[in-house]
């Protein structure tokens, strides 16, 4: 099963913009790195926002910064067919 994670922080303005882009995305798990810094280390998060699609421990897709919704929609189509 695919896991979709958005790494964010309250002070990150770009993260707030991505909230709008990703709104309504089924199964999205938001991870606040101020509250869960170990998650940032586990997934090697270097910048915010970062969105990851994973299956189990395998990272299938990763994108940092602002991007259009179509990019994650296409990635989800690709990886949900595996």
N, C-alpha and C. Protein backbone atom coordinates (compact mmCIF):
# COMPACT_ATOMS: atom_id res chain seq x y z
N UNK A 1 0.84 -1.19 0.00
CA UNK A 1 0.00 0.00 0.00
C UNK A 1 0.88 1.25 0.00
N UNK A 2 0.53 2.23 -0.82
CA UNK A 2 1.31 3.45 -0.92
C UNK A 2 1.07 4.34 0.29
N UNK A 3 2.15 4.98 0.72
CA UNK A 3 2.09 5.93 1.83
C UNK A 3 2.53 7.27 1.26
N UNK A 4 1.73 8.33 1.50
CA UNK A 4 2.05 9.66 1.02
C UNK A 4 2.32 10.54 2.23
N UNK A 5 3.53 11.12 2.28
CA UNK A 5 3.93 11.92 3.43
C UNK A 5 4.35 13.31 2.99
N UNK A 6 3.85 14.31 3.69
CA UNK A 6 4.24 15.70 3.47
C UNK A 6 4.99 16.17 4.71
N UNK A 7 6.27 16.48 4.54
CA UNK A 7 7.10 16.97 5.63
C UNK A 7 7.01 18.49 5.66
N UNK A 8 6.71 19.04 6.83
CA UNK A 8 6.38 20.44 6.95
C UNK A 8 6.84 20.98 8.30
N UNK A 9 6.69 22.30 8.48
CA UNK A 9 6.95 22.96 9.76
C UNK A 9 6.06 24.20 9.82
N UNK A 10 5.64 24.60 11.00
CA UNK A 10 4.72 25.73 11.13
C UNK A 10 5.26 27.04 10.54
N UNK A 11 6.55 27.27 10.58
CA UNK A 11 7.16 28.51 10.11
C UNK A 11 7.39 28.53 8.60
N UNK A 12 7.16 27.42 7.92
CA UNK A 12 7.48 27.27 6.49
C UNK A 12 6.32 27.79 5.62
N UNK A 13 6.52 28.95 4.99
CA UNK A 13 5.48 29.54 4.14
C UNK A 13 5.18 28.68 2.91
N UNK A 14 6.22 28.11 2.30
CA UNK A 14 6.00 27.24 1.14
C UNK A 14 5.18 26.01 1.53
N UNK A 15 5.36 25.54 2.76
CA UNK A 15 4.59 24.39 3.25
C UNK A 15 3.10 24.73 3.30
N UNK A 16 2.79 25.94 3.73
CA UNK A 16 1.39 26.38 3.78
C UNK A 16 0.81 26.46 2.37
N UNK A 17 1.62 26.88 1.40
CA UNK A 17 1.15 26.91 0.02
C UNK A 17 0.90 25.49 -0.49
N UNK A 18 1.77 24.55 -0.13
CA UNK A 18 1.58 23.16 -0.56
C UNK A 18 0.35 22.54 0.08
N UNK A 19 -0.04 23.01 1.28
CA UNK A 19 -1.27 22.52 1.90
C UNK A 19 -2.44 22.72 0.95
N UNK A 20 -2.48 23.87 0.29
CA UNK A 20 -3.55 24.17 -0.67
C UNK A 20 -3.47 23.25 -1.88
N UNK A 21 -2.26 23.04 -2.39
CA UNK A 21 -2.06 22.18 -3.57
C UNK A 21 -2.48 20.74 -3.27
N UNK A 22 -2.16 20.26 -2.08
CA UNK A 22 -2.40 18.86 -1.74
C UNK A 22 -3.74 18.62 -1.04
N UNK A 23 -4.52 19.67 -0.85
CA UNK A 23 -5.81 19.54 -0.16
C UNK A 23 -6.67 18.46 -0.81
N UNK A 24 -7.22 17.61 0.02
CA UNK A 24 -8.12 16.56 -0.46
C UNK A 24 -7.41 15.32 -0.98
N UNK A 25 -6.10 15.28 -0.91
CA UNK A 25 -5.35 14.11 -1.38
C UNK A 25 -5.59 12.96 -0.40
N UNK A 26 -6.23 11.89 -0.85
CA UNK A 26 -6.55 10.78 0.07
C UNK A 26 -5.29 10.14 0.67
N UNK A 27 -5.32 9.93 1.95
CA UNK A 27 -4.25 9.23 2.63
C UNK A 27 -3.01 10.05 2.93
N UNK A 28 -3.06 11.36 2.72
CA UNK A 28 -1.90 12.21 2.97
C UNK A 28 -1.62 12.27 4.46
N UNK A 29 -0.37 12.02 4.82
CA UNK A 29 0.07 12.10 6.20
C UNK A 29 1.01 13.31 6.31
N UNK A 30 0.60 14.32 7.10
CA UNK A 30 1.45 15.49 7.31
C UNK A 30 2.35 15.23 8.52
N UNK A 31 3.63 15.51 8.34
CA UNK A 31 4.61 15.28 9.41
C UNK A 31 5.28 16.61 9.73
N UNK A 32 5.02 17.12 10.92
CA UNK A 32 5.60 18.37 11.41
C UNK A 32 6.98 18.04 11.98
N UNK A 33 8.02 18.55 11.33
CA UNK A 33 9.38 18.20 11.75
C UNK A 33 9.79 18.85 13.07
N UNK A 34 9.07 19.87 13.50
CA UNK A 34 9.34 20.42 14.82
C UNK A 34 8.87 19.46 15.91
N UNK A 35 7.80 18.74 15.63
CA UNK A 35 7.26 17.78 16.60
C UNK A 35 7.86 16.39 16.43
N UNK A 36 8.32 16.06 15.21
CA UNK A 36 8.87 14.74 14.94
C UNK A 36 10.19 14.85 14.19
N UNK A 37 11.23 15.43 14.82
CA UNK A 37 12.50 15.62 14.11
C UNK A 37 13.15 14.30 13.68
N UNK A 38 12.86 13.22 14.38
CA UNK A 38 13.43 11.93 14.00
C UNK A 38 12.94 11.47 12.63
N UNK A 39 11.74 11.89 12.24
CA UNK A 39 11.22 11.53 10.92
C UNK A 39 12.04 12.22 9.83
N UNK A 40 12.48 13.44 10.09
CA UNK A 40 13.33 14.14 9.13
C UNK A 40 14.65 13.42 8.91
N UNK A 41 15.20 12.90 9.99
CA UNK A 41 16.45 12.16 9.88
C UNK A 41 16.22 10.82 9.18
N UNK A 42 15.14 10.15 9.52
CA UNK A 42 14.83 8.84 8.93
C UNK A 42 14.68 8.94 7.42
N UNK A 43 14.05 10.01 6.93
CA UNK A 43 13.79 10.15 5.49
C UNK A 43 14.76 11.13 4.81
N UNK A 44 15.82 11.55 5.53
CA UNK A 44 16.85 12.42 4.98
C UNK A 44 16.26 13.69 4.36
N UNK A 45 15.42 14.37 5.12
CA UNK A 45 14.78 15.59 4.66
C UNK A 45 15.77 16.74 4.78
N UNK A 46 16.07 17.37 3.65
CA UNK A 46 17.03 18.47 3.60
C UNK A 46 16.36 19.83 3.43
N UNK A 47 15.15 19.86 2.88
CA UNK A 47 14.44 21.12 2.68
C UNK A 47 12.94 20.89 2.80
N UNK A 48 12.23 21.98 3.02
CA UNK A 48 10.78 21.92 3.18
C UNK A 48 10.13 22.81 2.14
N UNK A 49 8.95 22.46 1.71
CA UNK A 49 8.26 21.20 1.96
C UNK A 49 8.88 20.07 1.14
N UNK A 50 8.75 18.86 1.64
CA UNK A 50 9.13 17.67 0.89
C UNK A 50 7.96 16.70 0.95
N UNK A 51 7.63 16.12 -0.19
CA UNK A 51 6.57 15.12 -0.27
C UNK A 51 7.20 13.82 -0.77
N UNK A 52 6.85 12.74 -0.10
CA UNK A 52 7.39 11.42 -0.45
C UNK A 52 6.24 10.44 -0.65
N UNK A 53 6.36 9.62 -1.68
CA UNK A 53 5.48 8.46 -1.86
C UNK A 53 6.35 7.24 -1.59
N UNK A 54 5.92 6.41 -0.67
CA UNK A 54 6.68 5.22 -0.31
C UNK A 54 5.77 4.01 -0.28
N UNK A 55 6.41 2.87 -0.43
CA UNK A 55 5.72 1.59 -0.28
C UNK A 55 6.58 0.77 0.67
N UNK A 56 6.07 0.55 1.87
CA UNK A 56 6.89 -0.07 2.89
C UNK A 56 8.05 0.86 3.20
N UNK A 57 9.26 0.34 3.19
CA UNK A 57 10.45 1.15 3.46
C UNK A 57 11.04 1.76 2.19
N UNK A 58 10.50 1.42 1.03
CA UNK A 58 11.05 1.89 -0.25
C UNK A 58 10.45 3.23 -0.65
N UNK A 59 11.31 4.23 -0.88
CA UNK A 59 10.85 5.52 -1.38
C UNK A 59 10.74 5.42 -2.89
N UNK A 60 9.54 5.65 -3.40
CA UNK A 60 9.28 5.54 -4.83
C UNK A 60 9.40 6.88 -5.54
N UNK A 61 9.05 7.96 -4.83
CA UNK A 61 9.00 9.29 -5.44
C UNK A 61 9.25 10.32 -4.35
N UNK A 62 10.01 11.34 -4.68
CA UNK A 62 10.31 12.41 -3.72
C UNK A 62 10.37 13.73 -4.48
N UNK A 63 9.78 14.76 -3.89
CA UNK A 63 9.83 16.09 -4.51
C UNK A 63 9.87 17.12 -3.40
N UNK A 64 10.79 18.06 -3.49
CA UNK A 64 10.90 19.16 -2.53
C UNK A 64 10.53 20.46 -3.21
N UNK A 65 10.09 21.42 -2.41
CA UNK A 65 9.71 22.72 -2.93
C UNK A 65 8.27 22.73 -3.41
N UNK A 66 7.92 23.81 -4.07
CA UNK A 66 6.56 23.94 -4.60
C UNK A 66 6.45 23.26 -5.95
N UNK A 67 5.34 22.58 -6.17
CA UNK A 67 5.10 21.92 -7.45
C UNK A 67 3.60 21.81 -7.66
N UNK A 68 3.16 21.67 -8.91
CA UNK A 68 1.72 21.57 -9.17
C UNK A 68 1.16 20.21 -8.78
N UNK A 69 -0.11 20.18 -8.48
CA UNK A 69 -0.80 18.95 -8.08
C UNK A 69 -0.67 17.86 -9.14
N UNK A 70 -0.59 18.25 -10.40
CA UNK A 70 -0.51 17.26 -11.48
C UNK A 70 0.71 16.35 -11.33
N UNK A 71 1.80 16.87 -10.75
CA UNK A 71 3.01 16.04 -10.60
C UNK A 71 2.77 14.86 -9.64
N UNK A 72 2.15 15.12 -8.52
CA UNK A 72 1.91 14.02 -7.58
C UNK A 72 0.80 13.11 -8.10
N UNK A 73 -0.19 13.69 -8.77
CA UNK A 73 -1.25 12.86 -9.35
C UNK A 73 -0.67 11.87 -10.36
N UNK A 74 0.26 12.33 -11.21
CA UNK A 74 0.89 11.44 -12.19
C UNK A 74 1.73 10.38 -11.50
N UNK A 75 2.46 10.77 -10.47
CA UNK A 75 3.28 9.80 -9.73
C UNK A 75 2.40 8.75 -9.08
N UNK A 76 1.28 9.16 -8.52
CA UNK A 76 0.37 8.19 -7.88
C UNK A 76 -0.21 7.23 -8.91
N UNK A 77 -0.54 7.73 -10.09
CA UNK A 77 -1.04 6.84 -11.15
C UNK A 77 0.02 5.81 -11.52
N UNK A 78 1.24 6.28 -11.68
CA UNK A 78 2.34 5.39 -12.05
C UNK A 78 2.59 4.31 -11.01
N UNK A 79 2.70 4.71 -9.76
CA UNK A 79 3.08 3.75 -8.71
C UNK A 79 1.91 2.92 -8.19
N UNK A 80 0.70 3.36 -8.40
CA UNK A 80 -0.43 2.53 -7.96
C UNK A 80 -0.67 1.38 -8.92
N UNK A 81 -0.07 1.41 -10.12
CA UNK A 81 -0.22 0.33 -11.09
C UNK A 81 0.82 -0.77 -10.90
N UNK A 82 1.76 -0.57 -10.02
CA UNK A 82 2.85 -1.55 -9.84
C UNK A 82 2.34 -2.87 -9.35
